[in-house]
Protein backbone atom coordinates (compact mmCIF):
# COMPACT_ATOMS: atom_id res chain seq x y z
CA MET A 1 0.00 0.00 0.00
CA SER A 2 1.34 3.38 -0.97
CA GLN A 3 2.24 6.04 1.58
CA LYS A 4 -1.02 7.78 0.74
CA ILE A 5 -4.16 5.68 0.87
CA GLN A 6 -6.02 5.94 -2.42
CA TRP A 7 -9.77 6.46 -2.20
CA GLY A 8 -12.59 5.91 -4.63
CA ILE A 9 -16.14 7.20 -4.15
CA LEU A 10 -19.12 5.25 -5.47
CA GLY A 11 -21.98 7.69 -6.08
CA THR A 12 -22.05 11.45 -6.59
CA GLY A 13 -24.90 12.74 -4.38
CA SER A 14 -24.75 15.25 -1.54
CA ILE A 15 -23.18 12.84 0.97
CA ALA A 16 -20.44 12.01 -1.57
CA HIS A 17 -19.65 15.73 -1.79
CA LYS A 18 -19.39 15.95 2.01
CA PHE A 19 -17.08 12.95 2.21
CA ALA A 20 -14.86 14.19 -0.62
CA THR A 21 -14.60 17.56 1.14
CA GLY A 22 -13.67 15.74 4.36
CA LEU A 23 -10.89 13.77 2.65
CA SER A 24 -9.20 17.04 1.70
CA PHE A 25 -8.31 17.50 5.40
CA LEU A 26 -6.18 14.34 5.42
CA SER A 27 -2.66 14.76 4.05
CA ASP A 28 -2.20 10.98 3.81
CA ALA A 29 -5.40 10.42 1.78
CA GLU A 30 -5.75 10.83 -1.97
CA LEU A 31 -9.07 10.81 -3.78
CA VAL A 32 -8.17 9.13 -7.07
CA ALA A 33 -11.46 7.92 -8.55
CA VAL A 34 -15.21 8.43 -8.66
CA GLY A 35 -17.87 6.26 -10.24
CA SER A 36 -21.41 7.09 -11.31
CA ARG A 37 -24.03 5.48 -13.54
CA ASN A 38 -23.84 8.70 -15.55
CA ILE A 39 -20.47 9.81 -16.95
CA GLU A 40 -21.55 13.46 -16.98
CA ARG A 41 -22.19 13.36 -13.22
CA ALA A 42 -18.89 11.55 -12.70
CA ASP A 43 -17.08 14.22 -14.72
CA GLN A 44 -18.76 17.09 -12.85
CA PHE A 45 -17.86 15.54 -9.49
CA ALA A 46 -14.31 14.77 -10.60
CA ASN A 47 -13.79 18.29 -11.92
CA ARG A 48 -14.98 19.81 -8.67
CA PHE A 49 -12.62 17.72 -6.53
CA ASP A 50 -9.73 17.39 -9.01
CA ILE A 51 -10.10 13.60 -9.25
CA PRO A 52 -8.03 11.99 -12.05
CA ASN A 53 -10.11 8.86 -12.71
CA ARG A 54 -13.81 9.18 -13.50
CA HIS A 55 -15.84 6.07 -14.28
CA PRO A 56 -19.15 5.73 -16.18
CA SER A 57 -20.29 2.73 -14.11
CA TYR A 58 -19.81 1.20 -10.68
CA GLU A 59 -18.33 -1.92 -12.33
CA SER A 60 -15.68 0.23 -13.97
CA LEU A 61 -14.90 1.98 -10.68
CA VAL A 62 -14.35 -1.21 -8.69
CA SER A 63 -11.98 -2.48 -11.40
CA ASP A 64 -9.72 0.58 -11.03
CA PRO A 65 -6.34 -0.80 -9.84
CA THR A 66 -5.30 2.51 -8.22
CA ILE A 67 -7.97 2.29 -5.47
CA ASP A 68 -7.27 0.94 -1.95
CA ILE A 69 -10.71 1.61 -0.42
CA ILE A 70 -14.13 2.74 -1.67
CA TYR A 71 -16.70 4.90 0.10
CA ILE A 72 -20.30 3.92 -0.74
CA ALA A 73 -22.46 7.04 -1.10
CA THR A 74 -25.56 5.68 -2.85
CA PRO A 75 -29.18 5.56 -1.56
CA HIS A 76 -29.99 3.10 1.24
CA ASN A 77 -31.51 0.47 -1.04
CA LEU A 78 -28.25 0.06 -3.01
CA HIS A 79 -25.83 -0.33 -0.09
CA GLN A 80 -25.74 -4.13 -0.04
CA GLU A 81 -25.44 -4.51 -3.81
CA ASN A 82 -22.74 -1.83 -4.10
CA THR A 83 -20.76 -3.04 -1.09
CA GLN A 84 -20.69 -6.63 -2.29
CA LEU A 85 -19.64 -5.48 -5.77
CA CYS A 86 -16.66 -3.68 -4.22
CA LEU A 87 -15.70 -6.55 -1.91
CA GLU A 88 -15.93 -9.16 -4.66
CA SER A 89 -13.60 -6.94 -6.71
CA GLY A 90 -11.03 -6.92 -3.92
CA LYS A 91 -11.72 -3.43 -2.57
CA ALA A 92 -12.05 -2.47 1.11
CA VAL A 93 -15.24 -0.57 1.90
CA ILE A 94 -16.65 2.10 4.19
CA CYS A 95 -20.42 2.17 3.62
CA GLU A 96 -22.61 5.14 4.47
CA LYS A 97 -25.28 4.61 7.12
CA PRO A 98 -27.71 2.98 7.29
CA PHE A 99 -25.37 0.10 6.53
CA ALA A 100 -28.18 -1.76 4.75
CA ILE A 101 -31.97 -1.94 4.50
CA ASN A 102 -32.19 -4.71 7.11
CA ALA A 103 -30.10 -7.07 9.21
CA ASN A 104 -30.19 -9.91 6.67
CA GLN A 105 -28.56 -7.67 4.09
CA ALA A 106 -26.01 -6.50 6.67
CA LYS A 107 -25.08 -10.08 7.55
CA LYS A 108 -24.49 -10.92 3.88
CA MET A 109 -22.25 -7.87 3.52
CA VAL A 110 -20.22 -8.89 6.57
CA GLU A 111 -19.98 -12.48 5.32
CA SER A 112 -18.64 -11.21 1.99
CA ALA A 113 -15.98 -9.12 3.74
CA GLN A 114 -14.94 -12.07 5.90
CA THR A 115 -14.81 -14.41 2.90
CA GLU A 116 -12.68 -11.93 0.94
CA LYS A 117 -10.65 -11.00 4.06
CA LEU A 118 -11.24 -7.30 3.39
CA PHE A 119 -11.86 -4.31 5.65
CA LEU A 120 -15.49 -3.21 6.01
CA MET A 121 -16.95 -0.43 8.20
CA GLU A 122 -20.22 1.41 8.67
CA ALA A 123 -19.72 5.12 8.06
CA MET A 124 -21.34 6.34 11.29
CA TRP A 125 -19.21 9.49 11.23
CA THR A 126 -20.52 10.87 14.55
CA ARG A 127 -18.67 8.13 16.46
CA TYR A 128 -15.29 9.51 15.47
CA LEU A 129 -15.75 13.21 16.20
CA PRO A 130 -13.46 14.56 18.96
CA LEU A 131 -16.29 15.34 21.39
CA MET A 132 -17.68 11.81 21.06
CA VAL A 133 -14.22 10.34 21.68
CA GLU A 134 -14.00 12.44 24.86
CA LEU A 135 -17.55 11.47 25.87
CA ARG A 136 -16.66 7.76 25.71
CA ALA A 137 -13.58 8.42 27.84
CA MET A 138 -15.73 10.25 30.44
CA LEU A 139 -18.26 7.42 30.58
CA ASP A 140 -15.48 4.83 30.86
CA LYS A 141 -14.23 6.72 33.94
CA ASN A 142 -17.77 6.80 35.42
CA LEU A 143 -17.71 10.60 35.49
CA ILE A 144 -21.50 10.75 36.06
CA GLY A 145 -21.67 7.48 37.96
CA GLU A 146 -23.66 4.57 36.60
CA VAL A 147 -25.45 5.66 33.42
CA ARG A 148 -29.18 4.96 33.76
CA MET A 149 -30.97 6.87 31.03
CA LEU A 150 -30.53 8.54 27.65
CA THR A 151 -32.81 10.90 25.79
CA ALA A 152 -31.94 11.82 22.22
CA ASP A 153 -33.76 13.11 19.17
CA PHE A 154 -33.10 13.91 15.54
CA GLY A 155 -35.94 15.42 13.59
CA PHE A 156 -36.38 18.06 10.93
CA ARG A 157 -39.22 19.27 8.73
CA ALA A 158 -39.06 18.41 5.05
CA GLU A 159 -41.75 19.12 2.49
CA PRO A 160 -43.35 15.87 1.36
CA ASN A 161 -42.27 14.74 -2.08
CA PRO A 162 -43.07 11.15 -3.13
CA GLU A 163 -40.02 11.13 -5.43
CA SER A 164 -37.60 12.28 -2.71
CA ARG A 165 -35.43 9.60 -1.11
CA LEU A 166 -36.88 10.67 2.25
CA PHE A 167 -40.43 9.75 1.26
CA ASP A 168 -39.92 6.96 -1.30
CA PRO A 169 -40.30 3.43 0.16
CA LYS A 170 -38.35 1.97 -2.79
CA LEU A 171 -35.31 3.97 -1.59
CA GLY A 172 -35.69 2.94 2.06
CA GLY A 173 -37.29 6.28 2.92
CA GLY A 174 -38.56 7.52 6.27
CA ALA A 175 -37.10 9.11 9.36
CA LEU A 176 -35.80 5.94 11.02
CA LEU A 177 -33.17 4.87 8.48
CA ASP A 178 -32.19 8.43 7.59
CA VAL A 179 -31.80 10.15 10.97
CA GLY A 180 -33.35 7.91 13.63
CA ILE A 181 -30.39 5.58 13.18
CA TYR A 182 -28.18 8.22 14.81
CA THR A 183 -30.17 7.96 18.05
CA ILE A 184 -30.22 4.15 17.93
CA SER A 185 -26.46 4.09 17.35
CA LEU A 186 -25.88 6.46 20.27
CA ALA A 187 -27.92 4.22 22.57
CA SER A 188 -25.93 1.22 21.31
CA MET A 189 -22.64 3.02 21.94
CA ILE A 190 -23.63 3.76 25.54
CA PHE A 191 -25.69 0.71 26.56
CA GLY A 192 -25.07 -2.01 23.99
CA SER A 193 -27.85 -4.00 22.35
CA PRO A 194 -31.36 -3.52 23.77
CA THR A 195 -33.25 -6.32 25.51
CA GLN A 196 -36.67 -4.82 24.73
CA VAL A 197 -37.97 -2.44 22.07
CA VAL A 198 -41.22 -0.45 22.21
CA SER A 199 -42.15 2.09 19.55
CA LEU A 200 -44.93 3.93 17.76
CA ALA A 201 -44.84 5.80 14.46
CA HIS A 202 -46.96 7.88 12.15
CA LEU A 203 -46.74 6.49 8.62
CA GLY A 204 -47.45 9.15 6.02
CA GLU A 205 -49.18 9.05 2.64
CA THR A 206 -46.26 7.30 0.92
CA GLY A 207 -46.14 4.64 3.64
CA VAL A 208 -42.87 5.63 5.32
CA ASP A 209 -42.43 6.78 8.92
CA GLU A 210 -42.72 10.56 9.20
CA GLN A 211 -42.25 10.68 12.97
CA ALA A 212 -41.72 8.12 15.70
CA GLY A 213 -41.11 7.59 19.39
CA ILE A 214 -38.87 4.72 20.52
CA VAL A 215 -38.04 3.34 23.98
CA LEU A 216 -35.22 0.83 24.37
CA SER A 217 -34.59 -1.15 27.55
CA HIS A 218 -31.18 -2.66 28.19
CA ALA A 219 -29.59 -5.42 30.25
CA GLN A 220 -29.26 -3.45 33.52
CA ASN A 221 -32.68 -1.79 33.10
CA GLU A 222 -31.20 1.31 31.50
CA LEU A 223 -33.60 3.20 29.25
CA ALA A 224 -33.10 5.09 26.00
CA ILE A 225 -36.00 7.38 25.06
CA LEU A 226 -35.60 8.44 21.45
CA HIS A 227 -37.60 10.29 18.82
CA THR A 228 -37.11 11.03 15.19
CA ALA A 229 -38.93 12.80 12.36
CA ILE A 230 -38.79 14.12 8.81
CA ARG A 231 -41.92 16.30 9.17
CA THR A 232 -41.24 17.81 12.62
CA ASN A 233 -38.39 19.98 13.90
CA THR A 234 -37.03 18.60 17.17
CA PRO A 235 -34.53 20.08 19.68
CA GLN A 236 -31.71 17.85 18.35
CA GLU A 237 -30.13 17.33 21.74
CA ALA A 238 -28.89 14.32 23.68
CA ILE A 239 -28.86 14.00 27.48
CA ILE A 240 -27.04 11.18 29.26
CA MET A 241 -28.17 10.71 32.87
CA GLY A 242 -26.22 8.90 35.54
CA THR A 243 -26.43 8.29 39.27
CA GLN A 244 -24.09 11.22 40.01
CA GLY A 245 -24.90 13.72 37.27
CA ARG A 246 -25.70 14.23 33.61
CA ILE A 247 -24.13 15.28 30.35
CA ARG A 248 -26.04 17.36 27.81
CA ILE A 249 -24.70 17.30 24.25
CA HIS A 250 -25.81 20.54 22.68
CA SER A 251 -27.65 20.82 19.37
CA PRO A 252 -26.91 19.51 16.83
CA TRP A 253 -25.73 16.59 18.97
CA TRP A 254 -24.75 14.32 16.03
CA ILE A 255 -22.09 16.83 14.91
CA PRO A 256 -21.27 18.23 18.33
CA ASN A 257 -18.69 20.66 19.59
CA THR A 258 -20.16 21.57 22.99
CA MET A 259 -21.41 19.62 26.00
CA THR A 260 -22.48 20.64 29.50
CA ILE A 261 -21.60 18.52 32.52
CA GLU A 262 -23.72 18.73 35.65
CA LEU A 263 -22.36 16.78 38.61
CA SER A 264 -24.13 16.55 41.97
CA GLY A 265 -22.96 19.33 44.29
CA GLU A 266 -20.63 20.91 41.73
CA PRO A 267 -20.94 23.95 39.45
CA THR A 268 -22.16 23.29 35.92
CA LYS A 269 -19.29 23.12 33.44
CA THR A 270 -19.52 23.58 29.66
CA ILE A 271 -16.78 22.03 27.55
CA GLU A 272 -16.06 22.96 23.95
CA ILE A 273 -14.33 20.36 21.77
CA PRO A 274 -14.42 21.63 18.19
CA TYR A 275 -14.01 19.46 15.12
CA GLU A 276 -11.98 20.37 12.05
CA GLY A 277 -13.45 20.90 8.61
CA ASN A 278 -16.88 19.37 8.07
CA GLY A 279 -16.15 16.44 10.39
CA TYR A 280 -16.25 13.69 7.78
CA HIS A 281 -12.52 13.04 7.70
CA TYR A 282 -12.41 11.47 11.17
CA GLU A 283 -14.19 8.29 10.01
CA ALA A 284 -11.93 8.19 6.94
CA ALA A 285 -8.85 8.46 9.19
CA GLU A 286 -10.16 5.56 11.29
CA ALA A 287 -10.60 3.42 8.18
CA MET A 288 -7.07 4.28 7.00
CA ASN A 289 -5.58 3.45 10.41
CA CYS A 290 -7.32 0.08 10.25
CA LEU A 291 -6.02 -0.59 6.73
CA ARG A 292 -2.47 0.22 7.77
CA SER A 293 -2.81 -2.10 10.77
CA ASN A 294 -4.24 -4.88 8.59
CA LYS A 295 -7.46 -4.85 10.60
CA LEU A 296 -10.69 -6.04 9.00
CA GLU A 297 -13.00 -3.90 11.14
CA SER A 298 -13.01 -0.90 13.46
CA ASP A 299 -12.96 -1.33 17.24
CA THR A 300 -15.06 1.84 17.55
CA ILE A 301 -17.99 0.37 15.64
CA PRO A 302 -17.34 -3.34 15.09
CA LEU A 303 -19.35 -5.21 12.50
CA SER A 304 -21.18 -7.20 15.18
CA GLU A 305 -22.52 -3.91 16.57
CA THR A 306 -23.51 -2.70 13.10
CA ILE A 307 -25.57 -5.90 12.66
CA SER A 308 -27.09 -5.45 16.12
CA ILE A 309 -28.15 -1.89 15.25
CA MET A 310 -29.77 -3.15 12.04
CA GLN A 311 -31.61 -5.82 14.06
CA THR A 312 -32.97 -3.11 16.37
CA LEU A 313 -34.13 -1.09 13.35
CA ASP A 314 -35.83 -4.23 12.00
CA GLN A 315 -37.65 -4.79 15.30
CA ILE A 316 -38.87 -1.20 15.33
CA ARG A 317 -40.18 -1.34 11.77
CA ASP A 318 -41.80 -4.70 12.45
CA GLN A 319 -43.83 -3.08 15.24
CA TRP A 320 -45.05 -0.47 12.75
CA GLY A 321 -45.81 -2.99 10.02
CA LEU A 322 -43.40 -1.13 7.73
CA LYS A 323 -41.80 -3.26 5.06
CA TYR A 324 -39.99 -1.80 2.07
CA PRO A 325 -40.90 -3.09 -1.41
CA MET A 326 -37.67 -5.08 -1.75
CA GLU A 327 -38.51 -6.97 1.47
CA LYS A 328 -41.95 -8.16 0.38
């Protein structure tokens, strides 16, 4: 592997632009290729980010010998297909969240990576931001005592459009897979897999979840109370409550730079831990560190946890009776 790790990006949508921008903050990363199903889009993307190799198909991209690792930036419904295409072509992968449509797809993706002995990671970028790294260190030291409860939300108001990926069931639309997954992943990071799931949702005219409330119970009776929406603006905060205090991650908590710590009998303290750039390069740096260490997965979000998160999402949707067309 060369001194610089060579990246390819599969897809040219808004999240691909964010990731490409993030890579520019890493001196040891080089964005060498982009692939689209439309050569004009590939050329436009490549021209914007000064990418030498532009491919008119995903098959052409994964055959590019200059690439060490590919970032999957396509809609939810294509993640499994695109990831397996990359892996079967010998390319390591970091796949945008949600990792897949459901846990069965996720398991097949992980099996492919294990068969090919290639690195695979879910691109849950929030995990790698400096404030979240510090938060995990605080919780490991029991700063607020035993953690008992979490509240977190991620909701925004979008105008309904049946052709938008947010509202189209064929694209895995709805609040849960788009933004609710952030809250589920946070609960998983803090408490592990849930032992019980209770949830309610409002399914809109296109059949996808437009807002939902979720309660997760965990092994030591800890509770995560979560809500998510694509038709309702929410506070976008997270509060972690322990036996000796609480930590409030200020809005927007999924790309945080400020948190307030309230400990029993002590003055409230606000800590600022800024991130560089747009924040997307931290997950890329993690993937590159793993590649250089010949690791096949990240310790920060191992593949077993990614599958567990997908299983929780499946349980939630099952309670709503929400199946996507490709699952029927």
